[in-house]
Amino acid sequence: MLNMLNSCKLCPRNCNVNRLKDELGFCKSGSNLSIARVSLHKWEEPCISGTKGSGTIFFSNCNLKCVFCQNHEISQEQIGKEISIKRLSEIFMEQQNYGAHNINLVTPTHFVPQIIESIKLSRRNGLSIPILYNSNGYENVETIKSLEGYIDIYLPDLKYINNKFAEKYSMAQDYFKFASCAIDEMVSQAPNPVFNENGIMLKGVIIRHLMLPGLLFDSKKIVDYIYKKYGDNVYLSLMNQYTPMFNAAKYPEINKPLNKKHYESLIDYCRNLGFKNAFIQEEGTAKESFVPHFDLSGV
């Protein structure tokens, strides 16, 4: 698997750099894994966090440049610690021993080959809880195909349909083209949600959409697309936790909290479409205090 790093095309940037020789592409990732925090996270969707928490690994770096990124310290500023494949496999086992419901890989795209090797190693050592791929959605289908048999739950974002917004706010004009194809592949690998007796997801797809200020129309088009394409075979997670951070101040139209009425309007729109499998967020989630401290805990 590591030969995929020889001429890196893991994501749609297709940088074609030799990361095994520490050539750096768009995401600034070399040959080694880099993570910034490991924790039992209790603020994911209820079927993910459950009562014990999700064994969450925050990877450093990112293939998007979202101007509002809440995790900008690790996505753009490269905070993190380099670790070995063996150490990542040990972290998986530690989280299982702590009682985590699953292993939650946050922004993992640029480290897929190393992650696969870590999963192989940890499974040989007794890892049995589900593996969750928590992604921004900007993926090459070939990379997602390489994960078949290793990932149980996919948790992708679907951020935009309109290319104008994708380019302006995330530097990815072709975002929807790639994200929609990647999600298709994810659903083909996990076509029907499966839960245990306690309501914890064991297999399936949850598509997240973070609503941005002023983009109600684009959000409606996204939920339209998801419902018409997948119906109740996937879960939808509508998020209202947008907090203007990082470089959002340079964009006055999004440098403000989300309009509560717009979010409620989107919820009503989903109900009218016929959505049954959907998560919504309560008020009070749009706070900087909900952003994790990337202090290398658990690394």
C-alpha atoms as a PDB file:
ATOM      1  CA  MET A   1       0.000   0.000   0.000  1.00  0.00           C
ATOM      2  CA  LEU A   2       2.822   2.421   0.789  1.00  0.00           C
ATOM      3  CA  ASN A   3       3.812   2.535  -2.878  1.00  0.00           C
ATOM      4  CA  MET A   4       0.772   4.773  -3.344  1.00  0.00           C
ATOM      5  CA  LEU A   5       2.994   7.499  -1.848  1.00  0.00           C
ATOM      6  CA  ASN A   6       5.553   7.223  -4.665  1.00  0.00           C
ATOM      7  CA  SER A   7       3.514   9.560  -6.854  1.00  0.00           C
ATOM      8  CA  CYS A   8       0.744  10.717  -4.572  1.00  0.00           C
ATOM      9  CA  LYS A   9      -2.721  10.816  -6.104  1.00  0.00           C
ATOM     10  CA  LEU A  10      -4.660   9.984  -2.951  1.00  0.00           C
ATOM     11  CA  CYS A  11      -6.949  12.994  -3.348  1.00  0.00           C
ATOM     12  CA  PRO A  12      -8.255  15.061  -6.269  1.00  0.00           C
ATOM     13  CA  ARG A  13      -5.261  17.417  -6.053  1.00  0.00           C
ATOM     14  CA  ASN A  14      -3.245  14.655  -7.784  1.00  0.00           C
ATOM     15  CA  CYS A  15       0.028  16.303  -6.763  1.00  0.00           C
ATOM     16  CA  ASN A  16       2.079  13.353  -8.063  1.00  0.00           C
ATOM     17  CA  VAL A  17       4.884  14.031  -5.573  1.00  0.00           C
ATOM     18  CA  ASN A  18       7.100  11.291  -4.127  1.00  0.00           C
ATOM     19  CA  ARG A  19       6.229  11.452  -0.454  1.00  0.00           C
ATOM     20  CA  LEU A  20       8.559   8.545   0.322  1.00  0.00           C
ATOM     21  CA  LYS A  21      11.348  11.007  -0.485  1.00  0.00           C
ATOM     22  CA  ASP A  22       9.570  13.669   1.588  1.00  0.00           C
ATOM     23  CA  GLU A  23       8.422  15.695  -1.395  1.00  0.00           C
ATOM     24  CA  LEU A  24       5.431  17.744  -0.249  1.00  0.00           C
ATOM     25  CA  GLY A  25       2.229  18.428  -2.152  1.00  0.00           C
ATOM     26  CA  PHE A  26      -0.853  20.501  -1.400  1.00  0.00           C
ATOM     27  CA  CYS A  27      -1.525  18.932   2.011  1.00  0.00           C
ATOM     28  CA  LYS A  28       2.127  19.252   3.171  1.00  0.00           C
ATOM     29  CA  SER A  29       2.239  15.610   4.301  1.00  0.00           C
ATOM     30  CA  GLY A  30       5.372  13.508   3.934  1.00  0.00           C
ATOM     31  CA  SER A  31       5.967   9.810   4.405  1.00  0.00           C
ATOM     32  CA  ASN A  32       5.198   9.694   8.131  1.00  0.00           C
ATOM     33  CA  LEU A  33       1.853   9.800   9.894  1.00  0.00           C
ATOM     34  CA  SER A  34       1.177  12.937  11.915  1.00  0.00           C
ATOM     35  CA  ILE A  35      -1.527  13.258  14.565  1.00  0.00           C
ATOM     36  CA  ALA A  36      -2.443  16.023  16.992  1.00  0.00           C
ATOM     37  CA  ARG A  37      -4.831  14.431  19.472  1.00  0.00           C
ATOM     38  CA  VAL A  38      -6.342  11.115  20.526  1.00  0.00           C
ATOM     39  CA  SER A  39      -9.388  11.044  22.791  1.00  0.00           C
ATOM     40  CA  LEU A  40     -12.680   9.403  23.660  1.00  0.00           C
ATOM     41  CA  HIS A  41     -14.941  11.900  21.917  1.00  0.00           C
ATOM     42  CA  LYS A  42     -18.523  12.208  23.161  1.00  0.00           C
ATOM     43  CA  TRP A  43     -19.856  14.918  20.841  1.00  0.00           C
ATOM     44  CA  GLU A  44     -20.367  12.995  17.614  1.00  0.00           C
ATOM     45  CA  GLU A  45     -23.775  11.730  16.463  1.00  0.00           C
ATOM     46  CA  PRO A  46     -25.440   9.636  19.238  1.00  0.00           C
ATOM     47  CA  CYS A  47     -25.030   6.355  17.336  1.00  0.00           C
ATOM     48  CA  ILE A  48     -21.292   7.074  17.041  1.00  0.00           C
ATOM     49  CA  SER A  49     -20.401   8.437  20.483  1.00  0.00           C
ATOM     50  CA  GLY A  50     -22.898   6.356  22.454  1.00  0.00           C
ATOM     51  CA  THR A  51     -22.272   6.381  26.207  1.00  0.00           C
ATOM     52  CA  LYS A  52     -18.562   5.563  26.177  1.00  0.00           C
ATOM     53  CA  GLY A  53     -17.302   7.793  23.390  1.00  0.00           C
ATOM     54  CA  SER A  54     -15.715   7.429  19.977  1.00  0.00           C
ATOM     55  CA  GLY A  55     -11.984   6.647  19.863  1.00  0.00           C
ATOM     56  CA  THR A  56     -11.031   9.712  17.874  1.00  0.00           C
ATOM     57  CA  ILE A  57      -7.692  10.282  16.144  1.00  0.00           C
ATOM     58  CA  PHE A  58      -7.161  13.779  14.741  1.00  0.00           C
ATOM     59  CA  PHE A  59      -4.709  13.674  11.835  1.00  0.00           C
ATOM     60  CA  SER A  60      -2.617  16.714  10.953  1.00  0.00           C
ATOM     61  CA  ASN A  61      -2.873  18.507   7.585  1.00  0.00           C
ATOM     62  CA  CYS A  62      -5.705  18.589   5.038  1.00  0.00           C
ATOM     63  CA  ASN A  63      -6.387  18.624   1.300  1.00  0.00           C
ATOM     64  CA  LEU A  64      -8.851  21.533   1.617  1.00  0.00           C
ATOM     65  CA  LYS A  65      -8.188  25.142   2.610  1.00  0.00           C
ATOM     66  CA  CYS A  66     -11.474  26.051   4.280  1.00  0.00           C
ATOM     67  CA  VAL A  67     -11.310  29.696   5.304  1.00  0.00           C
ATOM     68  CA  PHE A  68     -13.559  29.015   8.314  1.00  0.00           C
ATOM     69  CA  CYS A  69     -11.850  25.845   9.540  1.00  0.00           C
ATOM     70  CA  GLN A  70     -12.380  25.244  13.263  1.00  0.00           C
ATOM     71  CA  ASN A  71      -9.433  22.852  13.313  1.00  0.00           C
ATOM     72  CA  HIS A  72      -7.097  25.214  11.463  1.00  0.00           C
ATOM     73  CA  GLU A  73      -4.282  24.641  13.963  1.00  0.00           C
ATOM     74  CA  ILE A  74      -3.861  21.119  12.644  1.00  0.00           C
ATOM     75  CA  SER A  75      -5.352  21.382   9.157  1.00  0.00           C
ATOM     76  CA  GLN A  76      -3.381  24.442   8.020  1.00  0.00           C
ATOM     77  CA  GLU A  77      -0.695  25.125  10.636  1.00  0.00           C
ATOM     78  CA  GLN A  78       0.713  21.580  10.784  1.00  0.00           C
ATOM     79  CA  ILE A  79       0.501  21.118  14.542  1.00  0.00           C
ATOM     80  CA  GLY A  80       1.030  17.453  15.307  1.00  0.00           C
ATOM     81  CA  LYS A  81       3.559  14.759  16.071  1.00  0.00           C
ATOM     82  CA  GLU A  82       4.978  12.257  13.633  1.00  0.00           C
ATOM     83  CA  ILE A  83       4.386   8.639  14.623  1.00  0.00           C
ATOM     84  CA  SER A  84       5.021   5.206  13.151  1.00  0.00           C
ATOM     85  CA  ILE A  85       2.524   2.782  11.662  1.00  0.00           C
ATOM     86  CA  LYS A  86       3.151   0.525  14.652  1.00  0.00           C
ATOM     87  CA  ARG A  87       2.365   3.335  17.090  1.00  0.00           C
ATOM     88  CA  LEU A  88      -0.929   4.084  15.324  1.00  0.00           C
ATOM     89  CA  SER A  89      -1.894   0.420  15.611  1.00  0.00           C
ATOM     90  CA  GLU A  90      -1.130   0.619  19.341  1.00  0.00           C
ATOM     91  CA  ILE A  91      -3.354   3.692  19.639  1.00  0.00           C
ATOM     92  CA  PHE A  92      -6.205   1.743  18.034  1.00  0.00           C
ATOM     93  CA  MET A  93      -5.791  -1.000  20.638  1.00  0.00           C
ATOM     94  CA  GLU A  94      -5.570   1.516  23.494  1.00  0.00           C
ATOM     95  CA  GLN A  95      -8.850   3.114  22.450  1.00  0.00           C
ATOM     96  CA  GLN A  96     -10.530  -0.295  22.280  1.00  0.00           C
ATOM     97  CA  ASN A  97      -9.212  -1.084  25.762  1.00  0.00           C
ATOM     98  CA  TYR A  98     -10.606   2.233  27.046  1.00  0.00           C
ATOM     99  CA  GLY A  99     -14.055   1.082  25.903  1.00  0.00           C
ATOM    100  CA  ALA A 100     -14.435   3.171  22.718  1.00  0.00           C
ATOM    101  CA  HIS A 101     -17.397   2.177  20.544  1.00  0.00           C
ATOM    102  CA  ASN A 102     -15.289   2.628  17.408  1.00  0.00           C
ATOM    103  CA  ILE A 103     -12.057   4.002  15.971  1.00  0.00           C
ATOM    104  CA  ASN A 104     -12.765   7.437  14.484  1.00  0.00           C
ATOM    105  CA  LEU A 105     -10.245   8.585  11.838  1.00  0.00           C
ATOM    106  CA  VAL A 106     -10.627  12.372  11.437  1.00  0.00           C
ATOM    107  CA  THR A 107      -9.374  13.889   8.148  1.00  0.00           C
ATOM    108  CA  PRO A 108      -7.488  10.721   7.173  1.00  0.00           C
ATOM    109  CA  THR A 109      -7.364  10.942   3.362  1.00  0.00           C
ATOM    110  CA  HIS A 110      -3.698  11.866   2.958  1.00  0.00           C
ATOM    111  CA  PHE A 111      -2.595   9.015   5.242  1.00  0.00           C
ATOM    112  CA  VAL A 112      -4.732   6.185   3.833  1.00  0.00           C
ATOM    113  CA  PRO A 113      -1.841   3.804   2.937  1.00  0.00           C
ATOM    114  CA  GLN A 114      -0.303   4.071   6.411  1.00  0.00           C
ATOM    115  CA  ILE A 115      -3.729   3.731   8.065  1.00  0.00           C
ATOM    116  CA  ILE A 116      -4.465   0.519   6.144  1.00  0.00           C
ATOM    117  CA  GLU A 117      -1.172  -0.980   7.321  1.00  0.00           C
ATOM    118  CA  SER A 118      -1.999   0.049  10.906  1.00  0.00           C
ATOM    119  CA  ILE A 119      -5.439  -1.559  10.684  1.00  0.00           C
ATOM    120  CA  LYS A 120      -3.915  -4.812   9.396  1.00  0.00           C
ATOM    121  CA  LEU A 121      -1.474  -4.872  12.288  1.00  0.00           C
ATOM    122  CA  SER A 122      -4.005  -4.008  14.984  1.00  0.00           C
ATOM    123  CA  ARG A 123      -6.523  -6.562  13.702  1.00  0.00           C
ATOM    124  CA  ARG A 124      -3.870  -9.236  13.980  1.00  0.00           C
ATOM    125  CA  ASN A 125      -3.500  -8.109  17.590  1.00  0.00           C
ATOM    126  CA  GLY A 126      -7.221  -8.308  18.356  1.00  0.00           C
ATOM    127  CA  LEU A 127      -8.866  -5.068  17.190  1.00  0.00           C
ATOM    128  CA  SER A 128     -12.570  -5.821  16.765  1.00  0.00           C
ATOM    129  CA  ILE A 129     -14.499  -2.534  17.070  1.00  0.00           C
ATOM    130  CA  PRO A 130     -15.726  -0.735  13.916  1.00  0.00           C
ATOM    131  CA  ILE A 131     -13.422   1.632  12.014  1.00  0.00           C
ATOM    132  CA  LEU A 132     -14.947   4.970  11.037  1.00  0.00           C
ATOM    133  CA  TYR A 133     -13.656   7.169   8.188  1.00  0.00           C
ATOM    134  CA  ASN A 134     -14.456  10.796   9.066  1.00  0.00           C
ATOM    135  CA  SER A 135     -13.744  12.774   5.899  1.00  0.00           C
ATOM    136  CA  ASN A 136     -14.244  16.192   4.316  1.00  0.00           C
ATOM    137  CA  GLY A 137     -15.596  14.384   1.242  1.00  0.00           C
ATOM    138  CA  TYR A 138     -12.935  15.623  -1.179  1.00  0.00           C
ATOM    139  CA  GLU A 139     -11.738  12.185  -2.260  1.00  0.00           C
ATOM    140  CA  ASN A 140     -10.583  10.205  -5.246  1.00  0.00           C
ATOM    141  CA  VAL A 141     -12.785   7.162  -5.802  1.00  0.00           C
ATOM    142  CA  GLU A 142      -9.700   4.956  -6.185  1.00  0.00           C
ATOM    143  CA  THR A 143      -8.617   5.856  -2.645  1.00  0.00           C
ATOM    144  CA  ILE A 144     -12.038   4.948  -1.230  1.00  0.00           C
ATOM    145  CA  LYS A 145     -11.989   1.668  -3.165  1.00  0.00           C
ATOM    146  CA  SER A 146      -8.672   0.793  -1.515  1.00  0.00           C
ATOM    147  CA  LEU A 147     -10.411   1.033   1.871  1.00  0.00           C
ATOM    148  CA  GLU A 148     -12.972  -1.679   1.173  1.00  0.00           C
ATOM    149  CA  GLY A 149     -12.813  -4.297   3.883  1.00  0.00           C
ATOM    150  CA  TYR A 150     -11.001  -1.954   6.263  1.00  0.00           C
ATOM    151  CA  ILE A 151     -13.690   0.679   6.931  1.00  0.00           C
ATOM    152  CA  ASP A 152     -17.054  -0.124   8.513  1.00  0.00           C
ATOM    153  CA  ILE A 153     -18.622   3.332   8.795  1.00  0.00           C
ATOM    154  CA  TYR A 154     -18.189   6.300   6.483  1.00  0.00           C
ATOM    155  CA  LEU A 155     -18.838   9.800   7.834  1.00  0.00           C
ATOM    156  CA  PRO A 156     -18.212  12.167   4.890  1.00  0.00           C
ATOM    157  CA  ASP A 157     -19.052  15.833   4.589  1.00  0.00           C
ATOM    158  CA  LEU A 158     -21.019  17.113   1.639  1.00  0.00           C
ATOM    159  CA  LYS A 159     -20.166  20.787   1.899  1.00  0.00           C
ATOM    160  CA  TYR A 160     -21.265  22.410  -1.355  1.00  0.00           C
ATOM    161  CA  ILE A 161     -22.998  21.839  -4.655  1.00  0.00           C
ATOM    162  CA  ASN A 162     -22.218  25.239  -6.163  1.00  0.00           C
ATOM    163  CA  ASN A 163     -18.644  25.363  -7.465  1.00  0.00           C
ATOM    164  CA  LYS A 164     -18.458  29.088  -6.765  1.00  0.00           C
ATOM    165  CA  PHE A 165     -18.737  28.552  -3.013  1.00  0.00           C
ATOM    166  CA  ALA A 166     -16.418  25.543  -3.042  1.00  0.00           C
ATOM    167  CA  GLU A 167     -13.692  27.567  -4.731  1.00  0.00           C
ATOM    168  CA  LYS A 168     -14.196  30.679  -2.612  1.00  0.00           C
ATOM    169  CA  TYR A 169     -14.334  29.055   0.803  1.00  0.00           C
ATOM    170  CA  SER A 170     -12.369  25.793   0.394  1.00  0.00           C
ATOM    171  CA  MET A 171     -10.129  26.290  -2.670  1.00  0.00           C
ATOM    172  CA  ALA A 172     -11.746  23.316  -4.432  1.00  0.00           C
ATOM    173  CA  GLN A 173     -13.854  24.357  -7.400  1.00  0.00           C
ATOM    174  CA  ASP A 174     -14.521  20.736  -8.374  1.00  0.00           C
ATOM    175  CA  TYR A 175     -15.583  19.717  -4.862  1.00  0.00           C
ATOM    176  CA  PHE A 176     -19.061  18.359  -5.619  1.00  0.00           C
ATOM    177  CA  LYS A 177     -17.944  16.311  -8.621  1.00  0.00           C
ATOM    178  CA  PHE A 178     -15.425  14.394  -6.533  1.00  0.00           C
ATOM    179  CA  ALA A 179     -17.371  14.285  -3.260  1.00  0.00           C
ATOM    180  CA  SER A 180     -20.515  12.913  -4.900  1.00  0.00           C
ATOM    181  CA  CYS A 181     -18.571  10.129  -6.657  1.00  0.00           C
ATOM    182  CA  ALA A 182     -16.678   9.278  -3.476  1.00  0.00           C
ATOM    183  CA  ILE A 183     -19.889   9.076  -1.453  1.00  0.00           C
ATOM    184  CA  ASP A 184     -21.360   6.769  -4.110  1.00  0.00           C
ATOM    185  CA  GLU A 185     -18.469   4.392  -3.524  1.00  0.00           C
ATOM    186  CA  MET A 186     -18.851   4.658   0.260  1.00  0.00           C
ATOM    187  CA  VAL A 187     -22.536   3.754   0.017  1.00  0.00           C
ATOM    188  CA  SER A 188     -21.746   0.838  -2.292  1.00  0.00           C
ATOM    189  CA  GLN A 189     -19.414  -0.538   0.399  1.00  0.00           C
ATOM    190  CA  ALA A 190     -21.871   0.048   3.264  1.00  0.00           C
ATOM    191  CA  PRO A 191     -25.290   0.178   1.584  1.00  0.00           C
ATOM    192  CA  ASN A 192     -27.502  -0.460   4.605  1.00  0.00           C
ATOM    193  CA  PRO A 193     -27.103   0.935   8.132  1.00  0.00           C
ATOM    194  CA  VAL A 194     -26.496  -1.708  10.807  1.00  0.00           C
ATOM    195  CA  PHE A 195     -26.802  -1.059  14.562  1.00  0.00           C
ATOM    196  CA  ASN A 196     -26.258  -3.146  17.664  1.00  0.00           C
ATOM    197  CA  GLU A 197     -28.829  -3.668  20.407  1.00  0.00           C
ATOM    198  CA  ASN A 198     -27.745  -0.422  22.077  1.00  0.00           C
ATOM    199  CA  GLY A 199     -28.261   1.704  18.980  1.00  0.00           C
ATOM    200  CA  ILE A 200     -24.545   2.003  18.164  1.00  0.00           C
ATOM    201  CA  MET A 201     -23.802   1.997  14.444  1.00  0.00           C
ATOM    202  CA  LEU A 202     -21.725  -0.948  13.283  1.00  0.00           C
ATOM    203  CA  LYS A 203     -21.843  -0.306   9.550  1.00  0.00           C
ATOM    204  CA  GLY A 204     -23.276   2.385   7.296  1.00  0.00           C
ATOM    205  CA  VAL A 205     -22.930   5.926   5.972  1.00  0.00           C
ATOM    206  CA  ILE A 206     -23.775   9.211   7.662  1.00  0.00           C
ATOM    207  CA  ILE A 207     -23.479  12.252   5.394  1.00  0.00           C
ATOM    208  CA  ARG A 208     -22.773  15.484   7.234  1.00  0.00           C
ATOM    209  CA  HIS A 209     -23.648  18.943   6.058  1.00  0.00           C
ATOM    210  CA  LEU A 210     -22.429  22.012   7.944  1.00  0.00           C
ATOM    211  CA  MET A 211     -24.766  24.876   7.089  1.00  0.00           C
ATOM    212  CA  LEU A 212     -22.984  28.172   6.336  1.00  0.00           C
ATOM    213  CA  PRO A 213     -24.433  31.674   6.747  1.00  0.00           C
ATOM    214  CA  GLY A 214     -26.273  32.838   3.646  1.00  0.00           C
ATOM    215  CA  LEU A 215     -26.143  29.488   1.831  1.00  0.00           C
ATOM    216  CA  LEU A 216     -29.629  28.181   2.576  1.00  0.00           C
ATOM    217  CA  PHE A 217     -30.346  27.657  -1.119  1.00  0.00           C
ATOM    218  CA  ASP A 218     -27.193  25.578  -1.618  1.00  0.00           C
ATOM    219  CA  SER A 219     -28.004  23.587   1.543  1.00  0.00           C
ATOM    220  CA  LYS A 220     -31.475  22.802   0.213  1.00  0.00           C
ATOM    221  CA  LYS A 221     -29.969  21.560  -3.036  1.00  0.00           C
ATOM    222  CA  ILE A 222     -27.626  19.301  -1.056  1.00  0.00           C
ATOM    223  CA  VAL A 223     -30.368  17.654   1.006  1.00  0.00           C
ATOM    224  CA  ASP A 224     -32.456  17.326  -2.179  1.00  0.00           C
ATOM    225  CA  TYR A 225     -29.576  15.482  -3.812  1.00  0.00           C
ATOM    226  CA  ILE A 226     -28.962  13.174  -0.841  1.00  0.00           C
ATOM    227  CA  TYR A 227     -32.598  12.178  -0.411  1.00  0.00           C
ATOM    228  CA  LYS A 228     -33.295  11.620  -4.109  1.00  0.00           C
ATOM    229  CA  LYS A 229     -30.088   9.632  -4.524  1.00  0.00           C
ATOM    230  CA  TYR A 230     -30.085   7.500  -1.364  1.00  0.00           C
ATOM    231  CA  GLY A 231     -33.405   7.866   0.465  1.00  0.00           C
ATOM    232  CA  ASP A 232     -33.263   6.114   3.832  1.00  0.00           C
ATOM    233  CA  ASN A 233     -30.214   4.003   2.962  1.00  0.00           C
ATOM    234  CA  VAL A 234     -27.999   6.680   4.504  1.00  0.00           C
ATOM    235  CA  TYR A 235     -28.286   8.976   7.490  1.00  0.00           C
ATOM    236  CA  LEU A 236     -28.126  12.748   7.191  1.00  0.00           C
ATOM    237  CA  SER A 237     -26.507  14.913   9.863  1.00  0.00           C
ATOM    238  CA  LEU A 238     -27.472  18.587   9.634  1.00  0.00           C
ATOM    239  CA  MET A 239     -25.024  20.702  11.593  1.00  0.00           C
ATOM    240  CA  ASN A 240     -25.592  24.193  12.967  1.00  0.00           C
ATOM    241  CA  GLN A 241     -22.257  24.475  14.793  1.00  0.00           C
ATOM    242  CA  TYR A 242     -20.674  26.944  12.362  1.00  0.00           C
ATOM    243  CA  THR A 243     -18.426  29.350  14.253  1.00  0.00           C
ATOM    244  CA  PRO A 244     -16.589  32.096  12.322  1.00  0.00           C
ATOM    245  CA  MET A 245     -12.915  31.287  12.939  1.00  0.00           C
ATOM    246  CA  PHE A 246      -9.550  31.277  11.201  1.00  0.00           C
ATOM    247  CA  ASN A 247      -9.831  33.503   8.075  1.00  0.00           C
ATOM    248  CA  ALA A 248     -13.612  33.947   8.106  1.00  0.00           C
ATOM    249  CA  ALA A 249     -13.117  37.589   9.061  1.00  0.00           C
ATOM    250  CA  LYS A 250     -11.901  38.224   5.507  1.00  0.00           C
ATOM    251  CA  TYR A 251     -15.343  37.211   4.200  1.00  0.00           C
ATOM    252  CA  PRO A 252     -17.987  39.466   5.807  1.00  0.00           C
ATOM    253  CA  GLU A 253     -20.878  37.391   4.472  1.00  0.00           C
ATOM    254  CA  ILE A 254     -19.821  34.385   6.589  1.00  0.00           C
ATOM    255  CA  ASN A 255     -18.138  36.247   9.446  1.00  0.00           C
ATOM    256  CA  LYS A 256     -21.216  35.871  11.625  1.00  0.00           C
ATOM    257  CA  PRO A 257     -23.235  33.171  13.373  1.00  0.00           C
ATOM    258  CA  LEU A 258     -25.672  31.024  11.456  1.00  0.00           C
ATOM    259  CA  ASN A 259     -29.210  32.405  11.250  1.00  0.00           C
ATOM    260  CA  LYS A 260     -31.344  30.258  13.568  1.00  0.00           C
ATOM    261  CA  LYS A 261     -34.412  30.639  11.344  1.00  0.00           C
ATOM    262  CA  HIS A 262     -32.474  29.461   8.298  1.00  0.00           C
ATOM    263  CA  TYR A 263     -31.432  26.300  10.121  1.00  0.00           C
ATOM    264  CA  GLU A 264     -34.999  25.642  11.254  1.00  0.00           C
ATOM    265  CA  SER A 265     -36.153  26.229   7.689  1.00  0.00           C
ATOM    266  CA  LEU A 266     -33.696  23.600   6.445  1.00  0.00           C
ATOM    267  CA  ILE A 267     -34.955  21.109   9.035  1.00  0.00           C
ATOM    268  CA  ASP A 268     -38.538  21.710   7.877  1.00  0.00           C
ATOM    269  CA  TYR A 269     -37.428  21.277   4.277  1.00  0.00           C
ATOM    270  CA  CYS A 270     -35.940  17.866   5.123  1.00  0.00           C
ATOM    271  CA  ARG A 271     -39.134  16.796   6.877  1.00  0.00           C
ATOM    272  CA  ASN A 272     -41.205  17.805   3.875  1.00  0.00           C
ATOM    273  CA  LEU A 273     -38.928  15.836   1.560  1.00  0.00           C
ATOM    274  CA  GLY A 274     -39.566  12.738   3.654  1.00  0.00           C
ATOM    275  CA  PHE A 275     -36.292  12.312   5.553  1.00  0.00           C
ATOM    276  CA  LYS A 276     -36.609   9.880   8.448  1.00  0.00           C
ATOM    277  CA  ASN A 277     -32.966   9.081   9.144  1.00  0.00           C
ATOM    278  CA  ALA A 278     -31.539  12.439  10.137  1.00  0.00           C
ATOM    279  CA  PHE A 279     -29.701  14.024  13.051  1.00  0.00           C
ATOM    280  CA  ILE A 280     -30.042  17.682  13.987  1.00  0.00           C
ATOM    281  CA  GLN A 281     -28.163  19.778  16.515  1.00  0.00           C
ATOM    282  CA  GLU A 282     -29.546  21.713  19.450  1.00  0.00           C
ATOM    283  CA  GLU A 283     -28.759  25.367  20.030  1.00  0.00           C
ATOM    284  CA  GLY A 284     -25.519  26.243  21.760  1.00  0.00           C
ATOM    285  CA  THR A 285     -23.159  24.140  19.649  1.00  0.00           C
ATOM    286  CA  ALA A 286     -21.642  27.139  17.826  1.00  0.00           C
ATOM    287  CA  LYS A 287     -18.965  27.888  20.410  1.00  0.00           C
ATOM    288  CA  GLU A 288     -15.185  27.899  20.283  1.00  0.00           C
ATOM    289  CA  SER A 289     -15.234  25.897  23.516  1.00  0.00           C
ATOM    290  CA  PHE A 290     -16.372  22.865  21.494  1.00  0.00           C
ATOM    291  CA  VAL A 291     -13.145  22.915  19.465  1.00  0.00           C
ATOM    292  CA  PRO A 292     -10.700  20.316  20.844  1.00  0.00           C
ATOM    293  CA  HIS A 293      -7.365  21.299  22.319  1.00  0.00           C
ATOM    294  CA  PHE A 294      -4.721  19.951  19.983  1.00  0.00           C
ATOM    295  CA  ASP A 295      -2.169  19.323  22.716  1.00  0.00           C
ATOM    296  CA  LEU A 296      -0.900  15.917  21.527  1.00  0.00           C
ATOM    297  CA  SER A 297      -2.998  14.147  24.175  1.00  0.00           C
ATOM    298  CA  GLY A 298      -2.924  10.385  23.724  1.00  0.00           C
ATOM    299  CA  VAL A 299      -0.308  10.520  20.975  1.00  0.00           C
END
